[in-house]
PDB file of N, CA and C in Angstrom:
ATOM      1  N   MET A   1       0.948  -1.478  -0.091  1.00  0.00           N
ATOM      2  CA  MET A   1      -0.078   0.024  -0.021  1.00  0.00           C
ATOM      3  C   MET A   1       1.000   1.189  -0.339  1.00  0.00           C
ATOM      4  N   GLN A   2       1.862   1.455   0.740  1.00  0.00           N
ATOM      5  CA  GLN A   2       2.996   2.411   0.707  1.00  0.00           C
ATOM      6  C   GLN A   2       3.440   2.550  -0.331  1.00  0.00           C
ATOM      7  N   ARG A   3       4.004   1.269  -1.164  1.00  0.00           N
ATOM      8  CA  ARG A   3       4.678   1.954  -2.142  1.00  0.00           C
ATOM      9  C   ARG A   3       3.574   2.360  -3.431  1.00  0.00           C
ATOM     10  N   LEU A   4       2.603   1.769  -3.838  1.00  0.00           N
ATOM     11  CA  LEU A   4       1.188   2.165  -4.356  1.00  0.00           C
ATOM     12  C   LEU A   4       1.201   3.927  -4.318  1.00  0.00           C
ATOM     13  N   LEU A   5       1.468   4.535  -2.851  1.00  0.00           N
ATOM     14  CA  LEU A   5       0.874   5.439  -2.650  1.00  0.00           C
ATOM     15  C   LEU A   5       2.484   6.471  -3.207  1.00  0.00           C
ATOM     16  N   GLY A   6       3.405   5.835  -2.752  1.00  0.00           N
ATOM     17  CA  GLY A   6       4.450   6.866  -3.444  1.00  0.00           C
ATOM     18  C   GLY A   6       4.650   6.641  -4.775  1.00  0.00           C
ATOM     19  N   THR A   7       4.131   5.789  -5.458  1.00  0.00           N
ATOM     20  CA  THR A   7       4.082   5.946  -6.609  1.00  0.00           C
ATOM     21  C   THR A   7       2.928   6.529  -7.037  1.00  0.00           C
ATOM     22  N   TRP A   8       2.246   7.088  -6.934  1.00  0.00           N
ATOM     23  CA  TRP A   8       0.626   7.893  -6.973  1.00  0.00           C
ATOM     24  C   TRP A   8       1.700   9.352  -6.665  1.00  0.00           C
ATOM     25  N   MET A   9       2.342   9.448  -5.639  1.00  0.00           N
ATOM     26  CA  MET A   9       2.887  10.693  -5.285  1.00  0.00           C
ATOM     27  C   MET A   9       3.891  11.124  -6.669  1.00  0.00           C
ATOM     28  N   VAL A  10       4.754  10.258  -6.827  1.00  0.00           N
ATOM     29  CA  VAL A  10       5.506  10.505  -7.861  1.00  0.00           C
ATOM     30  C   VAL A  10       4.997  11.146  -9.102  1.00  0.00           C
ATOM     31  N   LEU A  11       4.029  10.427  -9.605  1.00  0.00           N
ATOM     32  CA  LEU A  11       2.998  10.676 -10.986  1.00  0.00           C
ATOM     33  C   LEU A  11       2.531  12.039 -10.667  1.00  0.00           C
ATOM     34  N   ALA A  12       1.861  12.646  -9.672  1.00  0.00           N
ATOM     35  CA  ALA A  12       1.291  13.871  -9.167  1.00  0.00           C
ATOM     36  C   ALA A  12       2.296  14.877  -9.446  1.00  0.00           C
ATOM     37  N   CYS A  13       3.318  14.557  -8.958  1.00  0.00           N
ATOM     38  CA  CYS A  13       4.653  15.550  -8.841  1.00  0.00           C
ATOM     39  C   CYS A  13       4.908  15.928 -10.224  1.00  0.00           C
ATOM     40  N   LEU A  14       5.106  14.772 -11.099  1.00  0.00           N
ATOM     41  CA  LEU A  14       5.463  14.838 -12.585  1.00  0.00           C
ATOM     42  C   LEU A  14       4.437  15.624 -13.404  1.00  0.00           C
ATOM     43  N   THR A  15       3.112  15.102 -13.275  1.00  0.00           N
ATOM     44  CA  THR A  15       1.890  16.066 -13.469  1.00  0.00           C
ATOM     45  C   THR A  15       1.758  17.423 -13.598  1.00  0.00           C
ATOM     46  N   ILE A  16       2.071  17.671 -12.282  1.00  0.00           N
ATOM     47  CA  ILE A  16       1.983  19.156 -11.851  1.00  0.00           C
ATOM     48  C   ILE A  16       3.171  19.796 -12.539  1.00  0.00           C
ATOM     49  N   HIS A  17       4.443  19.386 -12.381  1.00  0.00           N
ATOM     50  CA  HIS A  17       5.635  19.824 -12.901  1.00  0.00           C
ATOM     51  C   HIS A  17       5.658  19.929 -14.463  1.00  0.00           C
ATOM     52  N   SER A  18       5.117  18.981 -14.953  1.00  0.00           N
ATOM     53  CA  SER A  18       5.263  19.498 -16.542  1.00  0.00           C
ATOM     54  C   SER A  18       3.704  20.079 -16.635  1.00  0.00           C
ATOM     55  N   GLY A  19       2.725  19.759 -16.256  1.00  0.00           N
ATOM     56  CA  GLY A  19       1.407  20.769 -16.209  1.00  0.00           C
ATOM     57  C   GLY A  19       1.061  20.802 -17.743  1.00  0.00           C
ATOM     58  N   CYS A  20       1.268  19.516 -18.508  1.00  0.00           N
ATOM     59  CA  CYS A  20       0.793  19.892 -20.137  1.00  0.00           C
ATOM     60  C   CYS A  20       0.938  18.472 -20.763  1.00  0.00           C
ATOM     61  N   ALA A  21       0.131  18.224 -21.791  1.00  0.00           N
ATOM     62  CA  ALA A  21       0.046  17.028 -22.583  1.00  0.00           C
ATOM     63  C   ALA A  21      -0.323  17.690 -23.964  1.00  0.00           C
ATOM     64  N   THR A  22       0.581  16.765 -24.860  1.00  0.00           N
ATOM     65  CA  THR A  22       0.110  17.207 -26.479  1.00  0.00           C
ATOM     66  C   THR A  22      -0.294  16.088 -27.350  1.00  0.00           C
ATOM     67  N   VAL A  23      -1.149  16.042 -28.045  1.00  0.00           N
ATOM     68  CA  VAL A  23      -1.758  14.988 -28.811  1.00  0.00           C
ATOM     69  C   VAL A  23      -1.571  15.616 -30.297  1.00  0.00           C
ATOM     70  N   GLY A  24      -1.742  14.660 -31.164  1.00  0.00           N
ATOM     71  CA  GLY A  24      -1.498  14.960 -32.543  1.00  0.00           C
ATOM     72  C   GLY A  24      -0.139  15.234 -33.222  1.00  0.00           C
ATOM     73  N   GLN A  25      -0.343  15.680 -34.148  1.00  0.00           N
ATOM     74  CA  GLN A  25       1.115  16.120 -34.754  1.00  0.00           C
ATOM     75  C   GLN A  25       1.345  17.555 -35.338  1.00  0.00           C
ATOM     76  N   SER A  26       2.248  18.190 -35.513  1.00  0.00           N
ATOM     77  CA  SER A  26       2.094  19.734 -35.891  1.00  0.00           C
ATOM     78  C   SER A  26       2.151  19.479 -37.656  1.00  0.00           C
ATOM     79  N   PHE A  27       1.296  20.461 -37.843  1.00  0.00           N
ATOM     80  CA  PHE A  27       1.310  20.697 -39.314  1.00  0.00           C
ATOM     81  C   PHE A  27       1.275  22.223 -39.796  1.00  0.00           C
ATOM     82  N   ASN A  28       1.499  22.424 -41.272  1.00  0.00           N
ATOM     83  CA  ASN A  28       1.788  23.646 -41.894  1.00  0.00           C
ATOM     84  C   ASN A  28       0.773  24.488 -42.101  1.00  0.00           C
ATOM     85  N   VAL A  29       0.025  25.428 -40.869  1.00  0.00           N
ATOM     86  CA  VAL A  29      -1.150  26.146 -41.407  1.00  0.00           C
ATOM     87  C   VAL A  29      -1.088  27.143 -42.170  1.00  0.00           C
ATOM     88  N   ASP A  30       0.227  27.508 -42.798  1.00  0.00           N
ATOM     89  CA  ASP A  30       0.344  28.647 -43.744  1.00  0.00           C
ATOM     90  C   ASP A  30      -0.392  27.750 -44.917  1.00  0.00           C
ATOM     91  N   ALA A  31      -0.281  26.794 -45.255  1.00  0.00           N
ATOM     92  CA  ALA A  31      -0.512  25.994 -46.106  1.00  0.00           C
ATOM     93  C   ALA A  31      -2.118  25.659 -46.544  1.00  0.00           C
ATOM     94  N   VAL A  32      -2.770  26.255 -45.415  1.00  0.00           N
ATOM     95  CA  VAL A  32      -4.555  25.816 -45.386  1.00  0.00           C
ATOM     96  C   VAL A  32      -4.869  26.854 -46.930  1.00  0.00           C
ATOM     97  N   PRO A  33      -4.729  27.929 -47.073  1.00  0.00           N
ATOM     98  CA  PRO A  33      -5.259  28.788 -48.058  1.00  0.00           C
ATOM     99  C   PRO A  33      -5.038  28.039 -49.279  1.00  0.00           C
ATOM    100  N   ARG A  34      -3.958  27.413 -49.511  1.00  0.00           N
ATOM    101  CA  ARG A  34      -3.473  26.622 -50.696  1.00  0.00           C
ATOM    102  C   ARG A  34      -4.510  25.616 -51.075  1.00  0.00           C
ATOM    103  N   ILE A  35      -5.510  25.080 -50.241  1.00  0.00           N
ATOM    104  CA  ILE A  35      -6.498  24.165 -50.674  1.00  0.00           C
ATOM    105  C   ILE A  35      -7.440  24.429 -51.208  1.00  0.00           C
ATOM    106  N   GLU A  36      -7.859  24.226 -52.593  1.00  0.00           N
ATOM    107  CA  GLU A  36      -8.799  24.583 -53.233  1.00  0.00           C
ATOM    108  C   GLU A  36      -9.729  23.755 -53.783  1.00  0.00           C
ATOM    109  N   ILE A  37     -10.920  23.579 -53.288  1.00  0.00           N
ATOM    110  CA  ILE A  37     -12.187  22.705 -53.292  1.00  0.00           C
ATOM    111  C   ILE A  37     -12.198  22.345 -54.808  1.00  0.00           C
ATOM    112  N   GLY A  38     -12.340  21.399 -55.140  1.00  0.00           N
ATOM    113  CA  GLY A  38     -12.556  20.711 -56.625  1.00  0.00           C
ATOM    114  C   GLY A  38     -11.308  20.536 -57.511  1.00  0.00           C
ATOM    115  N   LYS A  39     -10.256  20.951 -57.314  1.00  0.00           N
ATOM    116  CA  LYS A  39      -9.008  21.103 -57.696  1.00  0.00           C
ATOM    117  C   LYS A  39      -7.606  20.143 -56.571  1.00  0.00           C
ATOM    118  N   THR A  40      -7.499  20.680 -55.566  1.00  0.00           N
ATOM    119  CA  THR A  40      -6.382  19.856 -54.752  1.00  0.00           C
ATOM    120  C   THR A  40      -6.644  18.291 -54.810  1.00  0.00           C
ATOM    121  N   THR A  41      -5.739  17.795 -55.022  1.00  0.00           N
ATOM    122  CA  THR A  41      -5.923  16.305 -54.909  1.00  0.00           C
ATOM    123  C   THR A  41      -5.183  15.467 -53.255  1.00  0.00           C
ATOM    124  N   MET A  42      -5.651  14.308 -53.830  1.00  0.00           N
ATOM    125  CA  MET A  42      -4.987  13.997 -52.055  1.00  0.00           C
ATOM    126  C   MET A  42      -3.737  14.164 -52.451  1.00  0.00           C
ATOM    127  N   GLU A  43      -3.106  13.793 -53.012  1.00  0.00           N
ATOM    128  CA  GLU A  43      -1.172  14.120 -53.119  1.00  0.00           C
ATOM    129  C   GLU A  43      -0.844  15.256 -53.065  1.00  0.00           C
ATOM    130  N   ASP A  44      -1.818  16.042 -53.335  1.00  0.00           N
ATOM    131  CA  ASP A  44      -1.414  17.519 -53.495  1.00  0.00           C
ATOM    132  C   ASP A  44      -1.238  17.995 -51.783  1.00  0.00           C
ATOM    133  N   VAL A  45      -2.365  17.447 -51.065  1.00  0.00           N
ATOM    134  CA  VAL A  45      -2.905  17.735 -49.721  1.00  0.00           C
ATOM    135  C   VAL A  45      -1.280  16.673 -49.291  1.00  0.00           C
ATOM    136  N   ARG A  46      -1.202  15.591 -49.444  1.00  0.00           N
ATOM    137  CA  ARG A  46      -0.015  14.707 -48.891  1.00  0.00           C
ATOM    138  C   ARG A  46       1.600  15.459 -49.048  1.00  0.00           C
ATOM    139  N   ARG A  47       1.407  16.247 -50.136  1.00  0.00           N
ATOM    140  CA  ARG A  47       2.861  16.971 -49.977  1.00  0.00           C
ATOM    141  C   ARG A  47       2.617  18.009 -49.225  1.00  0.00           C
ATOM    142  N   LEU A  48       1.346  18.996 -49.010  1.00  0.00           N
ATOM    143  CA  LEU A  48       1.872  19.845 -48.286  1.00  0.00           C
ATOM    144  C   LEU A  48       1.502  19.783 -47.107  1.00  0.00           C
ATOM    145  N   PHE A  49       0.984  18.613 -46.308  1.00  0.00           N
ATOM    146  CA  PHE A  49       0.794  18.367 -44.672  1.00  0.00           C
ATOM    147  C   PHE A  49       1.374  17.407 -44.283  1.00  0.00           C
ATOM    148  N   GLY A  50       1.541  16.550 -45.292  1.00  0.00           N
ATOM    149  CA  GLY A  50       2.296  15.080 -44.899  1.00  0.00           C
ATOM    150  C   GLY A  50       1.162  14.270 -44.530  1.00  0.00           C
ATOM    151  N   THR A  51       1.611  13.144 -43.947  1.00  0.00           N
ATOM    152  CA  THR A  51       0.899  12.145 -43.759  1.00  0.00           C
ATOM    153  C   THR A  51      -0.413  12.312 -42.541  1.00  0.00           C
ATOM    154  N   PRO A  52      -1.419  12.023 -42.922  1.00  0.00           N
ATOM    155  CA  PRO A  52      -2.634  12.834 -41.698  1.00  0.00           C
ATOM    156  C   PRO A  52      -2.400  11.949 -40.751  1.00  0.00           C
ATOM    157  N   TRP A  53      -3.022  12.729 -39.596  1.00  0.00           N
ATOM    158  CA  TRP A  53      -2.919  12.203 -38.112  1.00  0.00           C
ATOM    159  C   TRP A  53      -3.981  11.009 -38.028  1.00  0.00           C
ATOM    160  N   ARG A  54      -5.237  11.258 -38.601  1.00  0.00           N
ATOM    161  CA  ARG A  54      -6.350  10.138 -38.581  1.00  0.00           C
ATOM    162  C   ARG A  54      -6.393  10.105 -39.810  1.00  0.00           C
ATOM    163  N   THR A  55      -7.443   8.961 -40.172  1.00  0.00           N
ATOM    164  CA  THR A  55      -8.313   8.894 -41.438  1.00  0.00           C
ATOM    165  C   THR A  55      -9.474   8.287 -40.764  1.00  0.00           C
ATOM    166  N   GLY A  56     -10.523   8.540 -42.093  1.00  0.00           N
ATOM    167  CA  GLY A  56     -11.467   8.021 -41.865  1.00  0.00           C
ATOM    168  C   GLY A  56     -12.956   8.061 -42.853  1.00  0.00           C
ATOM    169  N   VAL A  57     -13.876   7.766 -42.823  1.00  0.00           N
ATOM    170  CA  VAL A  57     -15.117   7.912 -44.119  1.00  0.00           C
ATOM    171  C   VAL A  57     -16.238   8.865 -43.036  1.00  0.00           C
ATOM    172  N   GLU A  58     -16.554   9.744 -43.849  1.00  0.00           N
ATOM    173  CA  GLU A  58     -17.956  10.446 -43.793  1.00  0.00           C
ATOM    174  C   GLU A  58     -18.976  10.280 -45.058  1.00  0.00           C
ATOM    175  N   ASP A  59     -19.994   9.898 -44.852  1.00  0.00           N
ATOM    176  CA  ASP A  59     -20.865   9.662 -45.731  1.00  0.00           C
ATOM    177  C   ASP A  59     -20.266   8.958 -47.031  1.00  0.00           C
ATOM    178  N   GLY A  60     -19.570   8.058 -46.867  1.00  0.00           N
ATOM    179  CA  GLY A  60     -18.563   7.390 -47.941  1.00  0.00           C
ATOM    180  C   GLY A  60     -17.797   7.886 -48.300  1.00  0.00           C
ATOM    181  N   ASP A  61     -17.676   8.963 -48.130  1.00  0.00           N
ATOM    182  CA  ASP A  61     -16.060  10.022 -48.582  1.00  0.00           C
ATOM    183  C   ASP A  61     -15.192   9.500 -47.386  1.00  0.00           C
ATOM    184  N   THR A  62     -13.734   9.570 -48.071  1.00  0.00           N
ATOM    185  CA  THR A  62     -12.423   9.734 -46.861  1.00  0.00           C
ATOM    186  C   THR A  62     -12.348  10.878 -46.637  1.00  0.00           C
ATOM    187  N   THR A  63     -12.007  10.923 -45.352  1.00  0.00           N
ATOM    188  CA  THR A  63     -11.459  12.055 -44.610  1.00  0.00           C
ATOM    189  C   THR A  63     -10.243  12.186 -43.880  1.00  0.00           C
ATOM    190  N   TRP A  64      -9.186  13.167 -43.954  1.00  0.00           N
ATOM    191  CA  TRP A  64      -8.098  13.043 -43.560  1.00  0.00           C
ATOM    192  C   TRP A  64      -8.367  14.400 -42.349  1.00  0.00           C
ATOM    193  N   THR A  65      -7.486  13.789 -41.102  1.00  0.00           N
ATOM    194  CA  THR A  65      -7.453  15.052 -40.198  1.00  0.00           C
ATOM    195  C   THR A  65      -5.998  15.158 -39.852  1.00  0.00           C
ATOM    196  N   TYR A  66      -5.841  16.529 -39.533  1.00  0.00           N
ATOM    197  CA  TYR A  66      -4.640  16.829 -38.847  1.00  0.00           C
ATOM    198  C   TYR A  66      -4.713  17.488 -38.026  1.00  0.00           C
ATOM    199  N   GLY A  67      -4.470  17.234 -36.825  1.00  0.00           N
ATOM    200  CA  GLY A  67      -4.650  17.816 -35.853  1.00  0.00           C
ATOM    201  C   GLY A  67      -3.168  17.851 -34.690  1.00  0.00           C
ATOM    202  N   HIS A  68      -2.994  19.251 -33.869  1.00  0.00           N
ATOM    203  CA  HIS A  68      -2.327  19.176 -33.036  1.00  0.00           C
ATOM    204  C   HIS A  68      -2.897  20.239 -31.687  1.00  0.00           C
ATOM    205  N   TYR A  69      -3.036  19.760 -30.466  1.00  0.00           N
ATOM    206  CA  TYR A  69      -3.492  19.858 -29.225  1.00  0.00           C
ATOM    207  C   TYR A  69      -2.876  20.047 -28.044  1.00  0.00           C
ATOM    208  N   LYS A  70      -2.689  21.167 -27.302  1.00  0.00           N
ATOM    209  CA  LYS A  70      -1.616  21.049 -26.337  1.00  0.00           C
ATOM    210  C   LYS A  70      -2.731  21.754 -25.526  1.00  0.00           C
ATOM    211  N   TYR A  71      -2.774  20.730 -24.308  1.00  0.00           N
ATOM    212  CA  TYR A  71      -3.628  20.890 -23.216  1.00  0.00           C
ATOM    213  C   TYR A  71      -2.508  21.108 -21.867  1.00  0.00           C
ATOM    214  N   LYS A  72      -2.963  22.177 -21.177  1.00  0.00           N
ATOM    215  CA  LYS A  72      -2.220  22.765 -19.780  1.00  0.00           C
ATOM    216  C   LYS A  72      -2.839  22.607 -18.694  1.00  0.00           C
ATOM    217  N   LEU A  73      -2.385  21.943 -17.653  1.00  0.00           N
ATOM    218  CA  LEU A  73      -2.924  22.036 -16.291  1.00  0.00           C
ATOM    219  C   LEU A  73      -3.271  23.096 -15.945  1.00  0.00           C
ATOM    220  N   PHE A  74      -2.719  24.527 -16.126  1.00  0.00           N
ATOM    221  CA  PHE A  74      -2.979  25.850 -15.709  1.00  0.00           C
ATOM    222  C   PHE A  74      -2.859  26.505 -16.995  1.00  0.00           C
ATOM    223  N   GLY A  75      -4.098  27.347 -17.604  1.00  0.00           N
ATOM    224  CA  GLY A  75      -4.269  28.063 -18.397  1.00  0.00           C
ATOM    225  C   GLY A  75      -5.089  27.146 -20.005  1.00  0.00           C
ATOM    226  N   SER A  76      -5.000  27.798 -21.001  1.00  0.00           N
ATOM    227  CA  SER A  76      -5.956  27.494 -22.168  1.00  0.00           C
ATOM    228  C   SER A  76      -5.367  26.816 -22.692  1.00  0.00           C
ATOM    229  N   ALA A  77      -6.038  25.862 -23.250  1.00  0.00           N
ATOM    230  CA  ALA A  77      -5.108  24.835 -24.156  1.00  0.00           C
ATOM    231  C   ALA A  77      -5.393  25.449 -25.549  1.00  0.00           C
ATOM    232  N   GLN A  78      -4.234  25.354 -26.218  1.00  0.00           N
ATOM    233  CA  GLN A  78      -3.740  25.545 -27.803  1.00  0.00           C
ATOM    234  C   GLN A  78      -4.418  24.269 -28.667  1.00  0.00           C
ATOM    235  N   THR A  79      -5.534  24.903 -29.496  1.00  0.00           N
ATOM    236  CA  THR A  79      -5.560  23.448 -30.118  1.00  0.00           C
ATOM    237  C   THR A  79      -5.956  23.897 -32.123  1.00  0.00           C
ATOM    238  N   LYS A  80      -5.468  23.100 -32.469  1.00  0.00           N
ATOM    239  CA  LYS A  80      -5.795  23.279 -34.414  1.00  0.00           C
ATOM    240  C   LYS A  80      -5.763  22.324 -34.883  1.00  0.00           C
ATOM    241  N   ASP A  81      -6.954  22.005 -35.862  1.00  0.00           N
ATOM    242  CA  ASP A  81      -7.258  20.900 -36.651  1.00  0.00           C
ATOM    243  C   ASP A  81      -7.805  21.290 -37.902  1.00  0.00           C
ATOM    244  N   LEU A  82      -7.246  20.545 -38.864  1.00  0.00           N
ATOM    245  CA  LEU A  82      -7.802  20.727 -40.203  1.00  0.00           C
ATOM    246  C   LEU A  82      -8.695  19.100 -40.528  1.00  0.00           C
ATOM    247  N   VAL A  83      -9.685  19.195 -41.259  1.00  0.00           N
ATOM    248  CA  VAL A  83     -10.427  17.986 -41.542  1.00  0.00           C
ATOM    249  C   VAL A  83     -10.593  18.118 -43.213  1.00  0.00           C
ATOM    250  N   ILE A  84     -10.467  17.146 -43.869  1.00  0.00           N
ATOM    251  CA  ILE A  84     -10.163  17.321 -45.552  1.00  0.00           C
ATOM    252  C   ILE A  84     -11.350  16.274 -45.908  1.00  0.00           C
ATOM    253  N   ARG A  85     -12.232  16.767 -46.452  1.00  0.00           N
ATOM    254  CA  ARG A  85     -13.029  15.427 -47.342  1.00  0.00           C
ATOM    255  C   ARG A  85     -12.776  15.343 -48.830  1.00  0.00           C
ATOM    256  N   PHE A  86     -12.588  14.071 -49.025  1.00  0.00           N
ATOM    257  CA  PHE A  86     -12.636  13.654 -50.489  1.00  0.00           C
ATOM    258  C   PHE A  86     -13.744  13.304 -51.213  1.00  0.00           C
ATOM    259  N   ASP A  87     -13.887  13.574 -52.684  1.00  0.00           N
ATOM    260  CA  ASP A  87     -15.066  13.118 -53.393  1.00  0.00           C
ATOM    261  C   ASP A  87     -14.243  11.754 -53.853  1.00  0.00           C
ATOM    262  N   GLU A  88     -14.844  10.904 -55.201  1.00  0.00           N
ATOM    263  CA  GLU A  88     -14.632   9.770 -55.360  1.00  0.00           C
ATOM    264  C   GLU A  88     -13.717   9.552 -56.471  1.00  0.00           C
ATOM    265  N   GLN A  89     -13.207  10.740 -56.797  1.00  0.00           N
ATOM    266  CA  GLN A  89     -11.645  10.909 -57.253  1.00  0.00           C
ATOM    267  C   GLN A  89     -10.540  11.425 -56.956  1.00  0.00           C
ATOM    268  N   ASN A  90     -10.543  11.408 -55.388  1.00  0.00           N
ATOM    269  CA  ASN A  90      -9.710  11.808 -54.504  1.00  0.00           C
ATOM    270  C   ASN A  90      -9.355  13.657 -54.779  1.00  0.00           C
ATOM    271  N   VAL A  91     -10.674  13.828 -54.925  1.00  0.00           N
ATOM    272  CA  VAL A  91     -10.093  15.804 -54.866  1.00  0.00           C
ATOM    273  C   VAL A  91     -10.701  15.822 -53.717  1.00  0.00           C
ATOM    274  N   VAL A  92     -10.317  17.133 -53.228  1.00  0.00           N
ATOM    275  CA  VAL A  92     -10.702  18.186 -51.839  1.00  0.00           C
ATOM    276  C   VAL A  92     -12.541  18.232 -52.407  1.00  0.00           C
ATOM    277  N   SER A  93     -13.272  18.077 -51.806  1.00  0.00           N
ATOM    278  CA  SER A  93     -14.905  18.186 -52.031  1.00  0.00           C
ATOM    279  C   SER A  93     -15.013  19.387 -50.708  1.00  0.00           C
ATOM    280  N   SER A  94     -14.450  19.392 -49.639  1.00  0.00           N
ATOM    281  CA  SER A  94     -14.757  20.153 -48.773  1.00  0.00           C
ATOM    282  C   SER A  94     -13.638  20.171 -47.523  1.00  0.00           C
ATOM    283  N   TYR A  95     -13.367  21.100 -46.844  1.00  0.00           N
ATOM    284  CA  TYR A  95     -12.362  21.153 -45.806  1.00  0.00           C
ATOM    285  C   TYR A  95     -12.532  22.316 -44.735  1.00  0.00           C
ATOM    286  N   MET A  96     -12.370  21.987 -43.329  1.00  0.00           N
ATOM    287  CA  MET A  96     -12.692  22.948 -42.231  1.00  0.00           C
ATOM    288  C   MET A  96     -11.370  22.911 -41.373  1.00  0.00           C
ATOM    289  N   TYR A  97     -11.339  24.047 -40.909  1.00  0.00           N
ATOM    290  CA  TYR A  97      -9.941  24.544 -40.506  1.00  0.00           C
ATOM    291  C   TYR A  97     -10.304  25.350 -38.840  1.00  0.00           C
ATOM    292  N   ASN A  98      -9.907  24.589 -37.957  1.00  0.00           N
ATOM    293  CA  ASN A  98     -10.589  25.229 -36.739  1.00  0.00           C
ATOM    294  C   ASN A  98      -9.145  25.458 -35.623  1.00  0.00           C
ATOM    295  N   THR A  99      -9.029  26.542 -34.834  1.00  0.00           N
ATOM    296  CA  THR A  99      -7.863  26.807 -33.936  1.00  0.00           C
ATOM    297  C   THR A  99      -8.247  27.690 -32.644  1.00  0.00           C
ATOM    298  N   THR A 100      -7.566  27.329 -31.555  1.00  0.00           N
ATOM    299  CA  THR A 100      -8.200  28.205 -30.567  1.00  0.00           C
ATOM    300  C   THR A 100      -6.967  29.448 -30.477  1.00  0.00           C
ATOM    301  N   GLU A 101      -5.872  29.205 -31.210  1.00  0.00           N
ATOM    302  CA  GLU A 101      -5.209  30.353 -31.336  1.00  0.00           C
ATOM    303  C   GLU A 101      -5.485  31.702 -31.966  1.00  0.00           C
ATOM    304  N   HIS A 102      -4.993  32.720 -31.383  1.00  0.00           N
ATOM    305  CA  HIS A 102      -5.862  34.063 -32.115  1.00  0.00           C
ATOM    306  C   HIS A 102      -4.869  34.554 -32.659  1.00  0.00           C
ATOM    307  N   ASP A 103      -5.103  35.340 -33.914  1.00  0.00           N
ATOM    308  CA  ASP A 103      -4.439  35.701 -35.115  1.00  0.00           C
ATOM    309  C   ASP A 103      -4.380  37.440 -34.750  1.00  0.00           C
ATOM    310  N   GLU A 104      -3.109  37.990 -34.204  1.00  0.00           N
ATOM    311  CA  GLU A 104      -3.238  39.025 -33.986  1.00  0.00           C
ATOM    312  C   GLU A 104      -4.064  39.928 -35.281  1.00  0.00           C
ATOM    313  N   LYS A 105      -3.440  40.001 -36.354  1.00  0.00           N
ATOM    314  CA  LYS A 105      -3.888  40.331 -37.605  1.00  0.00           C
ATOM    315  C   LYS A 105      -4.959  40.847 -37.988  1.00  0.00           C
ATOM    316  N   SER A 106      -6.088  39.537 -37.285  1.00  0.00           N
ATOM    317  CA  SER A 106      -7.407  39.671 -37.389  1.00  0.00           C
ATOM    318  C   SER A 106      -8.431  40.446 -36.793  1.00  0.00           C
ATOM    319  N   LYS A 107      -7.625  40.971 -35.784  1.00  0.00           N
ATOM    320  CA  LYS A 107      -8.440  42.017 -34.693  1.00  0.00           C
ATOM    321  C   LYS A 107      -8.872  43.685 -34.997  1.00  0.00           C
TER     322      LYS A 107
END
């Protein structure tokens, strides 16, 4: 019991000390405006952003997700994700980019 309590205390200290967790992989946000619906192909997307973090299917269409999420014990989370949907010819049919990071230029 005492050994288990010691283990939990060490884990708690490490968590408080580090105070953050990162999920996903970073991707080139500056390339998002280069995506063109009806023109950009799956291979173009792979060249722009690399291998997707997650893949899936929505209403029969392939989806790729690029995501990078930083969670902090204290303070706000920093998240960004890009979901790209491809048609049956592997061309972008829609995409969505979201972030919690604020762009000073847009104010």
